[in-house]
Amino acid sequence: MSNQTVSNPVIPYTGAIFGGLLRGQMVAVQGVIPKNSERFQVDFQCGSSEKPRADVALHFNPRFRRSGCVVCNTLEHEKWGREEIKYEMPLKKGEPFEIIFLVLVDRFKVAVNGKHFLEYQHRISVNRVDTLGIYGTVHIQNIAFLGTSEQENPYSNLPIKRADGDNSQVKRINSPLMVPYMGKLKDGLSSGRIITIQGRVDKNPTKIAINLRLSESTDIPLHLKPNFKEKAFVRNSFLHQCWGEEELKIDCFPFSPSAYFEVIIYCGEDCFKVAVNGEHLLEYKYRFTNLSKIDTLEIDGDVELLDVQT
């Protein structure tokens, strides 16, 4: 399954989550709350049946009466469980919002407008969730599904090297990661290693830069730079104090302003393979072959960085 985006859905909205809800997946909901809204809800449902009503793994329900609160619950066999109520309202009527739901092994983590808001322990298996429902008085502009499982990875049929717990690096959102971002790649790269980067492009972007480099020198074996003005995806290497020849050929430019993206970099036998939003995009032949020396990941530019896995 490639990443799924729904724009300007009619509310009430009930839509399939193609491939189901997966561990490591993020679901982002962007919209505006009308000034006359009293409540709305986002439901992660096990099907779309109305009679009998489908089970709901997570019912996320902002209510604006009085000082406001957010109610979370689970519906199973048409019976609601115990409400979990947070007496805090991070949403404002008449203003835009963004809610990000992150699916973990044992719970959902929810961020609102870039800040961690709450966690909700799973009461039923999220493997059963295959439908997203949004109801109530709300205007939704975009729904984006970002996945990190191997089912999302176009290189999952290739040999993948798994770093053990001490060697892996996972950055998960409580809030967006700091940009410029610099992360260490413990033990360096090797054939079969995968790097996954998730984020959202700024509203008025000019460029983004992703560098795989050496900490012991200024060398950059892989430099990726989406250039929005020219709609070019530049690839190059900076070795021995000198930039090499740029590679520019590409079938399509996969980035858009304000849009979510996922970049996967796979270390092959003789080249880097790069996929964007679940689709293989390009290959870049190694100009520096001692992969174990490549021990640093840098990300900079006009981007909100949500998640990094190495």
Protein backbone atom coordinates (compact mmCIF):
# COMPACT_ATOMS: atom_id res chain seq x y z
CA MET A 1 0.00 0.00 0.00
CA SER A 2 1.28 3.47 -0.82
CA ASN A 3 0.48 6.45 1.34
CA GLN A 4 -3.17 7.48 1.24
CA THR A 5 -4.41 11.08 1.32
CA VAL A 6 -8.02 12.27 1.38
CA SER A 7 -8.76 15.94 0.65
CA ASN A 8 -11.89 17.88 1.62
CA PRO A 9 -14.07 14.89 2.54
CA VAL A 10 -17.79 15.40 3.11
CA ILE A 11 -18.72 15.07 6.79
CA PRO A 12 -19.96 12.66 8.07
CA TYR A 13 -17.05 10.75 6.57
CA THR A 14 -16.49 6.99 6.63
CA GLY A 15 -13.52 5.75 4.65
CA ALA A 16 -11.51 2.57 4.35
CA ILE A 17 -7.92 2.46 5.62
CA PHE A 18 -6.41 0.45 2.79
CA GLY A 19 -4.29 -2.36 4.20
CA GLY A 20 -5.65 -1.76 7.69
CA LEU A 21 -4.12 0.17 10.56
CA LEU A 22 -0.50 -0.77 11.14
CA ARG A 23 1.90 -0.42 14.05
CA GLY A 24 4.12 2.60 13.47
CA GLN A 25 1.55 4.32 11.29
CA MET A 26 0.64 7.97 11.68
CA VAL A 27 -2.73 9.40 10.75
CA ALA A 28 -2.87 13.19 10.40
CA VAL A 29 -6.15 15.09 10.32
CA GLN A 30 -6.15 18.76 9.32
CA GLY A 31 -9.13 21.07 9.32
CA VAL A 32 -11.00 24.02 10.81
CA ILE A 33 -13.56 24.03 13.61
CA PRO A 34 -16.67 26.11 12.79
CA LYS A 35 -17.61 28.69 15.38
CA ASN A 36 -20.97 26.98 16.01
CA SER A 37 -19.41 23.57 16.71
CA GLU A 38 -20.31 21.86 19.97
CA ARG A 39 -18.47 18.60 19.29
CA PHE A 40 -16.95 16.32 16.70
CA GLN A 41 -15.31 12.91 16.77
CA VAL A 42 -12.64 10.86 15.04
CA ASP A 43 -13.30 7.12 15.26
CA PHE A 44 -10.89 4.31 14.40
CA GLN A 45 -13.44 1.66 13.48
CA CYS A 46 -13.47 -2.10 12.90
CA GLY A 47 -15.59 -1.90 9.77
CA SER A 48 -18.35 0.47 8.71
CA SER A 49 -21.49 -1.37 9.80
CA GLU A 50 -24.27 0.80 11.23
CA LYS A 51 -26.62 -1.97 12.41
CA PRO A 52 -25.10 -3.54 14.41
CA ARG A 53 -22.71 -0.67 14.96
CA ALA A 54 -19.07 -1.48 14.19
CA ASP A 55 -16.62 -1.70 17.08
CA VAL A 56 -14.52 1.43 17.66
CA ALA A 57 -10.95 0.97 18.91
CA LEU A 58 -10.47 4.69 19.60
CA HIS A 59 -13.24 7.26 19.87
CA PHE A 60 -11.58 10.72 20.05
CA ASN A 61 -14.27 13.27 20.90
CA PRO A 62 -13.56 16.98 21.54
CA ARG A 63 -16.52 18.68 23.26
CA PHE A 64 -16.67 22.47 23.38
CA ARG A 65 -19.41 23.16 25.92
CA ARG A 66 -18.42 25.08 29.04
CA SER A 67 -14.61 25.02 29.37
CA GLY A 68 -14.31 22.06 26.99
CA CYS A 69 -12.84 18.58 27.25
CA VAL A 70 -11.76 15.65 25.11
CA VAL A 71 -13.38 12.25 25.71
CA CYS A 72 -11.76 8.99 24.59
CA ASN A 73 -13.44 5.60 24.70
CA THR A 74 -13.85 2.20 23.03
CA LEU A 75 -17.05 0.69 21.65
CA GLU A 76 -17.23 -3.11 21.66
CA HIS A 77 -20.33 -5.21 20.89
CA GLU A 78 -22.34 -1.96 20.81
CA LYS A 79 -21.39 -1.13 24.40
CA TRP A 80 -19.20 1.80 25.41
CA GLY A 81 -16.41 1.23 27.90
CA ARG A 82 -15.13 3.57 30.61
CA GLU A 83 -14.63 7.13 29.39
CA GLU A 84 -11.21 8.68 29.68
CA ILE A 85 -11.72 12.44 29.94
CA LYS A 86 -9.07 15.11 29.61
CA TYR A 87 -10.29 18.45 30.92
CA GLU A 88 -8.16 20.46 28.58
CA MET A 89 -9.09 21.86 25.19
CA PRO A 90 -6.21 22.45 22.75
CA LEU A 91 -8.59 23.27 19.87
CA LYS A 92 -10.23 26.65 19.25
CA LYS A 93 -13.41 27.40 17.37
CA GLY A 94 -12.89 29.24 14.11
CA GLU A 95 -9.23 28.23 13.89
CA PRO A 96 -7.33 25.60 11.90
CA PHE A 97 -5.98 22.52 13.63
CA GLU A 98 -3.90 19.42 13.08
CA ILE A 99 -4.30 16.17 15.02
CA ILE A 100 -1.73 13.38 14.60
CA PHE A 101 -2.52 9.87 15.80
CA LEU A 102 0.52 7.60 16.20
CA VAL A 103 -0.16 3.86 16.48
CA LEU A 104 2.18 2.05 18.88
CA VAL A 105 2.23 -1.57 20.04
CA ASP A 106 0.16 -0.96 23.16
CA ARG A 107 -1.40 2.48 22.74
CA PHE A 108 -2.26 5.47 20.60
CA LYS A 109 -0.29 8.69 21.07
CA VAL A 110 -2.07 11.87 20.03
CA ALA A 111 -0.49 15.22 19.23
CA VAL A 112 -2.51 18.38 18.62
CA ASN A 113 -1.01 21.33 16.77
CA GLY A 114 2.50 19.97 17.13
CA LYS A 115 2.32 19.21 20.87
CA HIS A 116 1.82 15.89 22.63
CA PHE A 117 -1.69 15.79 24.08
CA LEU A 118 -2.64 12.33 25.34
CA GLU A 119 -2.11 8.59 25.21
CA TYR A 120 -4.79 5.91 25.03
CA GLN A 121 -4.10 2.25 25.79
CA HIS A 122 -5.48 -0.27 23.30
CA ARG A 123 -8.53 -2.11 24.60
CA ILE A 124 -9.09 -4.11 21.41
CA SER A 125 -6.55 -5.11 18.78
CA VAL A 126 -5.73 -2.35 16.31
CA ASN A 127 -5.20 -5.11 13.73
CA ARG A 128 -9.00 -5.10 13.41
CA VAL A 129 -9.15 -1.40 12.53
CA ASP A 130 -9.80 -0.83 8.83
CA THR A 131 -12.04 2.25 8.73
CA LEU A 132 -11.76 5.90 9.76
CA GLY A 133 -14.89 7.80 10.69
CA ILE A 134 -15.23 11.54 11.29
CA TYR A 135 -18.55 12.95 12.48
CA GLY A 136 -19.98 16.12 13.99
CA THR A 137 -19.54 19.80 13.23
CA VAL A 138 -16.09 20.12 11.70
CA HIS A 139 -14.55 21.00 8.35
CA ILE A 140 -11.78 18.58 7.31
CA GLN A 141 -9.23 19.70 4.72
CA ASN A 142 -6.85 16.73 4.64
CA ILE A 143 -6.49 13.24 6.06
CA ALA A 144 -3.04 11.71 5.54
CA PHE A 145 -1.92 8.16 6.33
CA LEU A 146 1.82 7.64 6.80
CA GLY A 147 3.07 4.10 7.29
CA THR A 148 6.38 2.67 8.49
CA SER A 149 5.81 -1.07 8.21
CA GLU A 150 7.51 -3.32 5.66
CA GLN A 151 4.22 -3.44 3.78
CA GLU A 152 4.87 0.25 2.99
CA ASN A 153 8.46 -0.42 1.96
CA PRO A 154 9.09 -1.08 -1.75
CA TYR A 155 12.41 -2.73 -0.80
CA SER A 156 10.92 -5.29 1.59
CA ASN A 157 11.71 -8.07 -0.90
CA LEU A 158 15.43 -7.21 -0.69
CA PRO A 159 17.83 -8.36 2.08
CA ILE A 160 17.27 -6.00 5.01
CA LYS A 161 19.78 -5.75 7.83
CA ARG A 162 18.14 -5.36 11.20
CA ALA A 163 20.06 -3.30 13.71
CA ASP A 164 19.75 -4.71 17.22
CA GLY A 165 18.22 -2.69 20.03
CA ASP A 166 21.49 -1.00 20.93
CA ASN A 167 22.26 -0.03 17.37
CA SER A 168 18.87 1.18 16.23
CA GLN A 169 17.71 4.74 16.47
CA VAL A 170 14.05 5.62 16.50
CA LYS A 171 12.72 9.12 17.01
CA ARG A 172 9.00 9.20 17.74
CA ILE A 173 6.92 12.32 18.02
CA ASN A 174 5.95 13.91 21.27
CA SER A 175 6.41 17.02 19.19
CA PRO A 176 8.18 17.61 15.84
CA LEU A 177 11.93 16.99 15.88
CA MET A 178 14.35 19.88 15.82
CA VAL A 179 15.48 21.07 12.39
CA PRO A 180 18.38 21.21 11.52
CA TYR A 181 18.48 17.58 12.64
CA MET A 182 21.65 15.56 13.24
CA GLY A 183 21.60 11.91 14.26
CA LYS A 184 24.35 9.34 14.75
CA LEU A 185 24.26 6.07 12.80
CA LYS A 186 25.87 3.72 15.28
CA ASP A 187 28.41 1.38 13.62
CA GLY A 188 27.86 3.22 10.33
CA LEU A 189 25.94 2.01 7.30
CA SER A 190 26.12 -1.42 5.69
CA SER A 191 24.45 -3.26 2.86
CA GLY A 192 20.78 -3.88 3.63
CA ARG A 193 20.43 -0.98 6.06
CA ILE A 194 17.33 1.20 5.79
CA ILE A 195 16.72 4.81 6.86
CA THR A 196 13.14 6.10 7.04
CA ILE A 197 12.28 9.80 7.33
CA GLN A 198 8.77 11.17 7.75
CA GLY A 199 7.76 14.79 7.79
CA ARG A 200 5.69 17.55 6.30
CA VAL A 201 6.87 20.15 3.82
CA ASP A 202 6.47 23.79 4.90
CA LYS A 203 3.81 25.97 3.30
CA ASN A 204 6.26 28.02 1.20
CA PRO A 205 9.29 25.77 0.70
CA THR A 206 12.41 26.40 -1.33
CA LYS A 207 14.52 23.35 -0.55
CA ILE A 208 15.18 20.43 1.77
CA ALA A 209 18.54 18.75 2.28
CA ILE A 210 19.23 15.19 3.47
CA ASN A 211 22.90 14.28 3.99
CA LEU A 212 24.58 11.00 4.85
CA ARG A 213 28.05 12.00 5.95
CA LEU A 214 31.21 11.11 7.87
CA SER A 215 31.72 12.53 11.33
CA GLU A 216 35.50 12.33 11.00
CA SER A 217 35.67 14.58 7.92
CA THR A 218 33.63 16.94 5.74
CA ASP A 219 32.81 14.17 3.24
CA ILE A 220 29.13 13.69 2.26
CA PRO A 221 28.71 10.43 0.30
CA LEU A 222 24.99 11.11 -0.29
CA HIS A 223 23.40 14.54 -0.65
CA LEU A 224 19.68 14.64 -1.51
CA LYS A 225 18.12 18.05 -2.18
CA PRO A 226 14.54 18.53 -3.38
CA ASN A 227 14.44 21.97 -5.05
CA PHE A 228 10.88 23.27 -5.16
CA LYS A 229 11.47 26.26 -7.42
CA GLU A 230 12.95 24.11 -10.18
CA LYS A 231 11.01 20.91 -9.29
CA ALA A 232 14.34 19.09 -9.25
CA PHE A 233 15.58 16.31 -6.96
CA VAL A 234 19.34 16.86 -6.83
CA ARG A 235 21.73 14.01 -5.92
CA ASN A 236 25.43 14.53 -5.38
CA SER A 237 28.49 13.74 -3.22
CA PHE A 238 30.96 16.07 -1.52
CA LEU A 239 34.28 14.23 -1.36
CA HIS A 240 37.85 15.49 -0.84
CA GLN A 241 36.61 19.10 -0.44
CA CYS A 242 34.86 19.04 -3.79
CA TRP A 243 31.32 18.54 -5.09
CA GLY A 244 30.90 15.94 -7.81
CA GLU A 245 28.59 15.95 -10.81
CA GLU A 246 24.92 16.43 -10.00
CA GLU A 247 22.37 13.79 -10.96
CA LEU A 248 18.95 15.26 -11.77
CA LYS A 249 16.95 12.83 -13.91
CA ILE A 250 13.63 11.91 -12.36
CA ASP A 251 10.22 10.85 -13.67
CA CYS A 252 8.23 13.09 -11.33
CA PHE A 253 8.79 15.50 -8.45
CA PRO A 254 7.17 13.79 -5.43
CA PHE A 255 7.05 16.67 -2.92
CA SER A 256 4.38 19.38 -2.51
CA PRO A 257 3.96 22.37 -0.17
CA SER A 258 2.21 21.50 3.12
CA ALA A 259 2.11 17.81 2.14
CA TYR A 260 3.26 14.87 4.23
CA PHE A 261 6.02 12.65 2.90
CA GLU A 262 8.00 9.53 3.68
CA VAL A 263 11.53 9.00 2.32
CA ILE A 264 13.14 5.56 2.49
CA ILE A 265 16.87 5.18 1.76
CA TYR A 266 18.02 1.59 1.21
CA CYS A 267 21.72 0.65 1.10
CA GLY A 268 22.10 -1.81 -1.77
CA GLU A 269 25.16 -3.73 -2.97
CA ASP A 270 26.43 -0.93 -5.21
CA CYS A 271 24.02 1.97 -4.80
CA PHE A 272 21.55 3.83 -2.61
CA LYS A 273 17.93 3.17 -3.54
CA VAL A 274 15.50 5.96 -2.67
CA ALA A 275 11.72 5.71 -2.40
CA VAL A 276 9.26 8.52 -1.68
CA ASN A 277 5.73 7.85 -0.43
CA GLY A 278 6.00 4.13 -0.97
CA GLU A 279 7.23 4.30 -4.58
CA HIS A 280 10.79 3.59 -5.77
CA LEU A 281 12.12 6.83 -7.25
CA LEU A 282 15.83 6.59 -8.00
CA GLU A 283 19.18 4.86 -7.58
CA TYR A 284 22.48 6.56 -6.83
CA LYS A 285 25.70 4.63 -7.46
CA TYR A 286 28.15 4.69 -4.58
CA ARG A 287 30.96 7.20 -5.06
CA PHE A 288 32.22 6.36 -1.56
CA THR A 289 32.21 2.63 -0.87
CA ASN A 290 33.35 2.33 2.76
CA LEU A 291 29.80 2.43 4.10
CA SER A 292 30.77 1.76 7.71
CA LYS A 293 32.43 5.19 7.81
CA ILE A 294 29.10 6.88 7.03
CA ASP A 295 27.88 7.48 10.56
CA THR A 296 25.83 10.70 10.54
CA LEU A 297 22.41 11.71 9.19
CA GLU A 298 21.63 15.40 8.67
CA ILE A 299 18.28 16.93 7.68
CA ASP A 300 17.72 20.63 7.09
CA GLY A 301 15.49 23.02 5.17
CA ASP A 302 11.83 23.92 4.91
CA VAL A 303 10.39 20.90 6.65
CA GLU A 304 8.63 19.80 9.83
CA LEU A 305 10.34 16.56 10.84
CA LEU A 306 8.01 14.03 12.47
CA ASP A 307 9.85 10.72 12.60
CA VAL A 308 13.31 9.25 11.89
CA GLN A 309 14.20 5.55 11.94
CA THR A 310 17.67 4.22 11.21
